[in-house]
C-alpha atoms as a PDB file:
ATOM      1  CA  UNK A   1     -23.411  21.909 -10.982  1.00  0.00           C
ATOM      2  CA  UNK A   2     -22.000  22.651 -14.749  1.00  0.00           C
ATOM      3  CA  UNK A   3     -18.401  24.239 -13.343  1.00  0.00           C
ATOM      4  CA  UNK A   4     -16.244  22.117 -11.262  1.00  0.00           C
ATOM      5  CA  UNK A   5     -13.129  24.359 -10.320  1.00  0.00           C
ATOM      6  CA  UNK A   6      -9.870  22.398  -9.717  1.00  0.00           C
ATOM      7  CA  UNK A   7      -7.445  22.952  -8.037  1.00  0.00           C
ATOM      8  CA  UNK A   8      -3.628  21.313  -8.088  1.00  0.00           C
ATOM      9  CA  UNK A   9      -0.851  21.568  -5.422  1.00  0.00           C
ATOM     10  CA  UNK A  10       2.520  20.972  -6.808  1.00  0.00           C
ATOM     11  CA  UNK A  11       5.168  21.651  -4.108  1.00  0.00           C
ATOM     12  CA  UNK A  12       9.144  21.331  -4.001  1.00  0.00           C
ATOM     13  CA  UNK A  13      10.178  19.421  -0.688  1.00  0.00           C
ATOM     14  CA  UNK A  14      11.271  21.410   2.164  1.00  0.00           C
ATOM     15  CA  UNK A  15      14.012  20.616   4.444  1.00  0.00           C
ATOM     16  CA  UNK A  16      16.495  17.785   4.162  1.00  0.00           C
ATOM     17  CA  UNK A  17      16.171  14.156   3.968  1.00  0.00           C
ATOM     18  CA  UNK A  18      18.550  13.382   6.483  1.00  0.00           C
ATOM     19  CA  UNK A  19      16.044  14.865   8.761  1.00  0.00           C
ATOM     20  CA  UNK A  20      13.625  13.356  11.225  1.00  0.00           C
ATOM     21  CA  UNK A  21      10.271  11.334   9.378  1.00  0.00           C
ATOM     22  CA  UNK A  22       7.991  13.589  11.153  1.00  0.00           C
ATOM     23  CA  UNK A  23      10.201  17.006  10.779  1.00  0.00           C
ATOM     24  CA  UNK A  24       9.929  16.544   6.551  1.00  0.00           C
ATOM     25  CA  UNK A  25       6.411  15.706   7.135  1.00  0.00           C
ATOM     26  CA  UNK A  26       5.470  18.937   9.046  1.00  0.00           C
ATOM     27  CA  UNK A  27       7.297  21.135   7.151  1.00  0.00           C
ATOM     28  CA  UNK A  28       5.678  19.878   3.849  1.00  0.00           C
ATOM     29  CA  UNK A  29       2.258  20.037   5.086  1.00  0.00           C
ATOM     30  CA  UNK A  30       3.137  23.749   6.649  1.00  0.00           C
ATOM     31  CA  UNK A  31       4.213  24.718   3.523  1.00  0.00           C
ATOM     32  CA  UNK A  32       0.637  23.766   1.360  1.00  0.00           C
ATOM     33  CA  UNK A  33      -1.828  24.563   4.396  1.00  0.00           C
ATOM     34  CA  UNK A  34      -1.863  28.631   2.466  1.00  0.00           C
ATOM     35  CA  UNK A  35      -2.511  26.659  -0.512  1.00  0.00           C
ATOM     36  CA  UNK A  36      -4.990  24.621   0.603  1.00  0.00           C
ATOM     37  CA  UNK A  37      -6.632  28.087   2.224  1.00  0.00           C
ATOM     38  CA  UNK A  38      -6.333  29.663  -1.332  1.00  0.00           C
ATOM     39  CA  UNK A  39      -7.565  27.527  -2.988  1.00  0.00           C
ATOM     40  CA  UNK A  40     -10.796  27.441  -0.433  1.00  0.00           C
ATOM     41  CA  UNK A  41     -10.660  31.332  -0.799  1.00  0.00           C
ATOM     42  CA  UNK A  42     -10.942  30.836  -4.484  1.00  0.00           C
ATOM     43  CA  UNK A  43     -14.018  28.147  -4.497  1.00  0.00           C
ATOM     44  CA  UNK A  44     -12.203  25.229  -5.571  1.00  0.00           C
ATOM     45  CA  UNK A  45     -14.332  22.041  -5.792  1.00  0.00           C
ATOM     46  CA  UNK A  46     -11.787  19.285  -6.075  1.00  0.00           C
ATOM     47  CA  UNK A  47      -8.141  20.068  -4.777  1.00  0.00           C
ATOM     48  CA  UNK A  48      -5.403  17.149  -5.718  1.00  0.00           C
ATOM     49  CA  UNK A  49      -1.537  16.860  -4.349  1.00  0.00           C
ATOM     50  CA  UNK A  50       1.241  15.460  -5.911  1.00  0.00           C
ATOM     51  CA  UNK A  51       2.255  11.935  -5.346  1.00  0.00           C
ATOM     52  CA  UNK A  52       3.644  11.148  -1.605  1.00  0.00           C
ATOM     53  CA  UNK A  53       2.851  14.998  -1.179  1.00  0.00           C
ATOM     54  CA  UNK A  54       4.071  14.932   2.607  1.00  0.00           C
ATOM     55  CA  UNK A  55       7.604  13.868   1.920  1.00  0.00           C
ATOM     56  CA  UNK A  56      10.101  13.272  -0.678  1.00  0.00           C
ATOM     57  CA  UNK A  57       9.561  11.519  -3.845  1.00  0.00           C
ATOM     58  CA  UNK A  58      12.022   8.539  -2.305  1.00  0.00           C
ATOM     59  CA  UNK A  59      10.502   5.481  -4.560  1.00  0.00           C
ATOM     60  CA  UNK A  60      13.987   5.587  -6.311  1.00  0.00           C
ATOM     61  CA  UNK A  61      15.202   4.663  -3.402  1.00  0.00           C
ATOM     62  CA  UNK A  62      16.400   1.502  -1.805  1.00  0.00           C
ATOM     63  CA  UNK A  63      16.410   3.116   1.673  1.00  0.00           C
ATOM     64  CA  UNK A  64      13.735   1.195   4.280  1.00  0.00           C
ATOM     65  CA  UNK A  65      13.491   4.786   6.633  1.00  0.00           C
ATOM     66  CA  UNK A  66      10.622   5.707   3.980  1.00  0.00           C
ATOM     67  CA  UNK A  67       8.360   3.124   4.646  1.00  0.00           C
ATOM     68  CA  UNK A  68       7.956   4.756   8.174  1.00  0.00           C
ATOM     69  CA  UNK A  69       5.958   7.228   6.578  1.00  0.00           C
ATOM     70  CA  UNK A  70       2.815   4.995   5.813  1.00  0.00           C
ATOM     71  CA  UNK A  71      -0.316   5.695   7.165  1.00  0.00           C
ATOM     72  CA  UNK A  72      -3.755   3.672   7.610  1.00  0.00           C
ATOM     73  CA  UNK A  73      -6.764   5.441   5.852  1.00  0.00           C
ATOM     74  CA  UNK A  74      -8.772   7.118   6.535  1.00  0.00           C
ATOM     75  CA  UNK A  75      -8.052   7.247  10.685  1.00  0.00           C
ATOM     76  CA  UNK A  76      -4.341   8.660  10.619  1.00  0.00           C
ATOM     77  CA  UNK A  77      -3.346  12.509  11.124  1.00  0.00           C
ATOM     78  CA  UNK A  78      -3.036  13.357   7.508  1.00  0.00           C
ATOM     79  CA  UNK A  79      -6.088  12.005   6.326  1.00  0.00           C
ATOM     80  CA  UNK A  80      -8.333  13.558   9.517  1.00  0.00           C
ATOM     81  CA  UNK A  81      -6.428  17.357   8.910  1.00  0.00           C
ATOM     82  CA  UNK A  82      -7.392  17.128   4.770  1.00  0.00           C
ATOM     83  CA  UNK A  83     -10.898  15.867   6.218  1.00  0.00           C
ATOM     84  CA  UNK A  84     -11.309  19.083   8.667  1.00  0.00           C
ATOM     85  CA  UNK A  85      -9.954  20.884   5.407  1.00  0.00           C
ATOM     86  CA  UNK A  86     -12.546  19.304   3.210  1.00  0.00           C
ATOM     87  CA  UNK A  87     -15.448  20.141   5.121  1.00  0.00           C
ATOM     88  CA  UNK A  88     -14.432  23.514   5.831  1.00  0.00           C
ATOM     89  CA  UNK A  89     -14.159  24.507   2.461  1.00  0.00           C
ATOM     90  CA  UNK A  90     -16.943  22.364   0.984  1.00  0.00           C
ATOM     91  CA  UNK A  91     -14.292  20.482  -1.631  1.00  0.00           C
ATOM     92  CA  UNK A  92     -12.707  17.371  -2.520  1.00  0.00           C
ATOM     93  CA  UNK A  93      -9.599  16.787  -1.477  1.00  0.00           C
ATOM     94  CA  UNK A  94      -7.406  14.224  -3.216  1.00  0.00           C
ATOM     95  CA  UNK A  95      -4.894  12.707  -0.753  1.00  0.00           C
ATOM     96  CA  UNK A  96      -1.987  10.895  -2.222  1.00  0.00           C
ATOM     97  CA  UNK A  97       0.058   9.537   0.736  1.00  0.00           C
ATOM     98  CA  UNK A  98       2.375   6.448   1.184  1.00  0.00           C
ATOM     99  CA  UNK A  99      -0.598   4.219   2.039  1.00  0.00           C
ATOM    100  CA  UNK A 100      -0.375   0.925   4.109  1.00  0.00           C
ATOM    101  CA  UNK A 101      -3.685  -1.306   4.097  1.00  0.00           C
ATOM    102  CA  UNK A 102      -1.653  -4.210   5.585  1.00  0.00           C
ATOM    103  CA  UNK A 103       1.229  -4.784   7.062  1.00  0.00           C
ATOM    104  CA  UNK A 104       4.146  -8.004   5.031  1.00  0.00           C
ATOM    105  CA  UNK A 105       1.035 -10.773   4.268  1.00  0.00           C
ATOM    106  CA  UNK A 106       0.788 -14.722   4.887  1.00  0.00           C
ATOM    107  CA  UNK A 107      -0.463 -16.718   2.350  1.00  0.00           C
ATOM    108  CA  UNK A 108      -2.744 -19.493   2.565  1.00  0.00           C
ATOM    109  CA  UNK A 109      -2.613 -21.482  -1.165  1.00  0.00           C
ATOM    110  CA  UNK A 110      -5.884 -23.777  -1.161  1.00  0.00           C
ATOM    111  CA  UNK A 111      -5.083 -26.434  -3.880  1.00  0.00           C
ATOM    112  CA  UNK A 112      -7.254 -29.231  -4.858  1.00  0.00           C
ATOM    113  CA  UNK A 113      -5.745 -33.321  -4.665  1.00  0.00           C
ATOM    114  CA  UNK A 114      -5.813 -36.025  -7.484  1.00  0.00           C
ATOM    115  CA  UNK A 115      -7.552 -36.063 -10.481  1.00  0.00           C
ATOM    116  CA  UNK A 116     -11.357 -35.817 -11.658  1.00  0.00           C
ATOM    117  CA  UNK A 117     -13.702 -37.669 -14.258  1.00  0.00           C
ATOM    118  CA  UNK A 118     -14.164 -37.014 -17.093  1.00  0.00           C
ATOM    119  CA  UNK A 119     -11.643 -34.533 -18.308  1.00  0.00           C
ATOM    120  CA  UNK A 120      -8.559 -36.654 -17.598  1.00  0.00           C
ATOM    121  CA  UNK A 121      -6.642 -33.442 -16.916  1.00  0.00           C
ATOM    122  CA  UNK A 122      -3.887 -34.876 -15.412  1.00  0.00           C
ATOM    123  CA  UNK A 123      -3.103 -34.425 -11.597  1.00  0.00           C
ATOM    124  CA  UNK A 124      -4.295 -31.344  -9.486  1.00  0.00           C
ATOM    125  CA  UNK A 125      -1.544 -29.614  -7.990  1.00  0.00           C
ATOM    126  CA  UNK A 126      -2.707 -30.933  -4.312  1.00  0.00           C
ATOM    127  CA  UNK A 127      -0.518 -30.438  -1.417  1.00  0.00           C
ATOM    128  CA  UNK A 128      -2.543 -26.950  -0.060  1.00  0.00           C
ATOM    129  CA  UNK A 129      -0.471 -24.908   1.609  1.00  0.00           C
ATOM    130  CA  UNK A 130      -0.102 -22.052   4.580  1.00  0.00           C
ATOM    131  CA  UNK A 131       3.669 -19.945   4.422  1.00  0.00           C
ATOM    132  CA  UNK A 132       4.747 -17.483   6.662  1.00  0.00           C
ATOM    133  CA  UNK A 133       6.035 -13.497   5.459  1.00  0.00           C
ATOM    134  CA  UNK A 134       9.417 -14.933   4.139  1.00  0.00           C
ATOM    135  CA  UNK A 135       7.514 -18.345   2.776  1.00  0.00           C
ATOM    136  CA  UNK A 136       8.364 -20.166   5.052  1.00  0.00           C
ATOM    137  CA  UNK A 137       6.009 -22.979   5.122  1.00  0.00           C
ATOM    138  CA  UNK A 138       4.069 -23.995   8.262  1.00  0.00           C
ATOM    139  CA  UNK A 139       2.011 -26.227   7.527  1.00  0.00           C
ATOM    140  CA  UNK A 140       1.426 -28.670   3.924  1.00  0.00           C
ATOM    141  CA  UNK A 141      -0.954 -30.988   2.899  1.00  0.00           C
ATOM    142  CA  UNK A 142      -0.565 -34.429   1.129  1.00  0.00           C
ATOM    143  CA  UNK A 143      -0.660 -34.306  -2.858  1.00  0.00           C
ATOM    144  CA  UNK A 144      -3.850 -36.937  -2.664  1.00  0.00           C
ATOM    145  CA  UNK A 145      -6.092 -36.845   0.276  1.00  0.00           C
ATOM    146  CA  UNK A 146      -8.952 -34.936   1.642  1.00  0.00           C
ATOM    147  CA  UNK A 147      -7.686 -33.147   4.816  1.00  0.00           C
ATOM    148  CA  UNK A 148      -7.916 -29.850   6.820  1.00  0.00           C
ATOM    149  CA  UNK A 149      -4.823 -28.049   6.903  1.00  0.00           C
ATOM    150  CA  UNK A 150      -4.367 -25.530   9.915  1.00  0.00           C
ATOM    151  CA  UNK A 151      -1.903 -23.285  10.962  1.00  0.00           C
ATOM    152  CA  UNK A 152      -0.790 -20.779  13.889  1.00  0.00           C
ATOM    153  CA  UNK A 153       0.096 -17.656  12.061  1.00  0.00           C
ATOM    154  CA  UNK A 154       2.381 -15.426  13.986  1.00  0.00           C
ATOM    155  CA  UNK A 155       0.609 -11.744  13.180  1.00  0.00           C
ATOM    156  CA  UNK A 156       3.745  -9.780  15.684  1.00  0.00           C
ATOM    157  CA  UNK A 157       3.622  -6.775  13.607  1.00  0.00           C
ATOM    158  CA  UNK A 158       7.357  -6.082  13.915  1.00  0.00           C
ATOM    159  CA  UNK A 159       8.493  -9.710  12.334  1.00  0.00           C
ATOM    160  CA  UNK A 160       5.812  -9.111  10.020  1.00  0.00           C
ATOM    161  CA  UNK A 161       7.144  -5.248   9.056  1.00  0.00           C
ATOM    162  CA  UNK A 162      10.436  -6.597   9.270  1.00  0.00           C
ATOM    163  CA  UNK A 163      10.042  -8.781   6.456  1.00  0.00           C
ATOM    164  CA  UNK A 164       8.243  -6.234   4.161  1.00  0.00           C
ATOM    165  CA  UNK A 165      10.711  -3.650   4.587  1.00  0.00           C
ATOM    166  CA  UNK A 166      13.467  -6.096   3.612  1.00  0.00           C
ATOM    167  CA  UNK A 167      12.077  -8.039   1.116  1.00  0.00           C
ATOM    168  CA  UNK A 168      10.401  -5.090  -0.966  1.00  0.00           C
ATOM    169  CA  UNK A 169       8.435  -7.285  -3.017  1.00  0.00           C
ATOM    170  CA  UNK A 170       5.598  -5.192  -2.918  1.00  0.00           C
ATOM    171  CA  UNK A 171       7.305  -2.430  -3.884  1.00  0.00           C
ATOM    172  CA  UNK A 172      10.177  -4.056  -6.218  1.00  0.00           C
ATOM    173  CA  UNK A 173       7.234  -6.041  -8.285  1.00  0.00           C
ATOM    174  CA  UNK A 174       6.397  -4.852 -11.641  1.00  0.00           C
ATOM    175  CA  UNK A 175       3.690  -6.903 -12.836  1.00  0.00           C
ATOM    176  CA  UNK A 176       3.143  -5.035 -16.607  1.00  0.00           C
ATOM    177  CA  UNK A 177       6.709  -7.721 -17.097  1.00  0.00           C
ATOM    178  CA  UNK A 178       4.548 -11.059 -16.537  1.00  0.00           C
ATOM    179  CA  UNK A 179       2.394 -10.911 -19.685  1.00  0.00           C
ATOM    180  CA  UNK A 180       5.127 -12.633 -21.116  1.00  0.00           C
ATOM    181  CA  UNK A 181       5.230 -15.751 -18.977  1.00  0.00           C
ATOM    182  CA  UNK A 182       1.635 -16.216 -20.405  1.00  0.00           C
ATOM    183  CA  UNK A 183       1.426 -15.205 -23.926  1.00  0.00           C
ATOM    184  CA  UNK A 184       0.942 -18.163 -26.070  1.00  0.00           C
END
């Protein structure tokens, strides 16, 4: 195939942002289905929607209600629906939804204790540890001994989600600003 026909769907928000999240999503999908059908009829090979196409562009907002619109890929309703249309029209469909791979996060930091010869670069950080999604230490090793660190991590998704939605670290971080910290 020498020619690839591309299609882009742009669509303004349908309805009111005060509506139920499922209502907003359904209005957006219902509005765009005829455009998918039109793309298929015109032989589009690759079709792409706008960012977070099933809801308003909420990214400038601090309102945690929008976090409830995440979907896991590939087994959630929006992705499954788009897979049906992709198969029906033998097209690739780029589906930019608000994706959730994992819900808030426990962190296990494994560090080396003591010093090592011949480099003599000083003491290693030591103190391997595990923290919960709030950053509270669950267990911490010594700074200078070989040891096994074991922690019980509470994976209750309601608690983890609550931390993720209120702390918002992952959503609001700006890695592009970190370069100055590492420049020498």
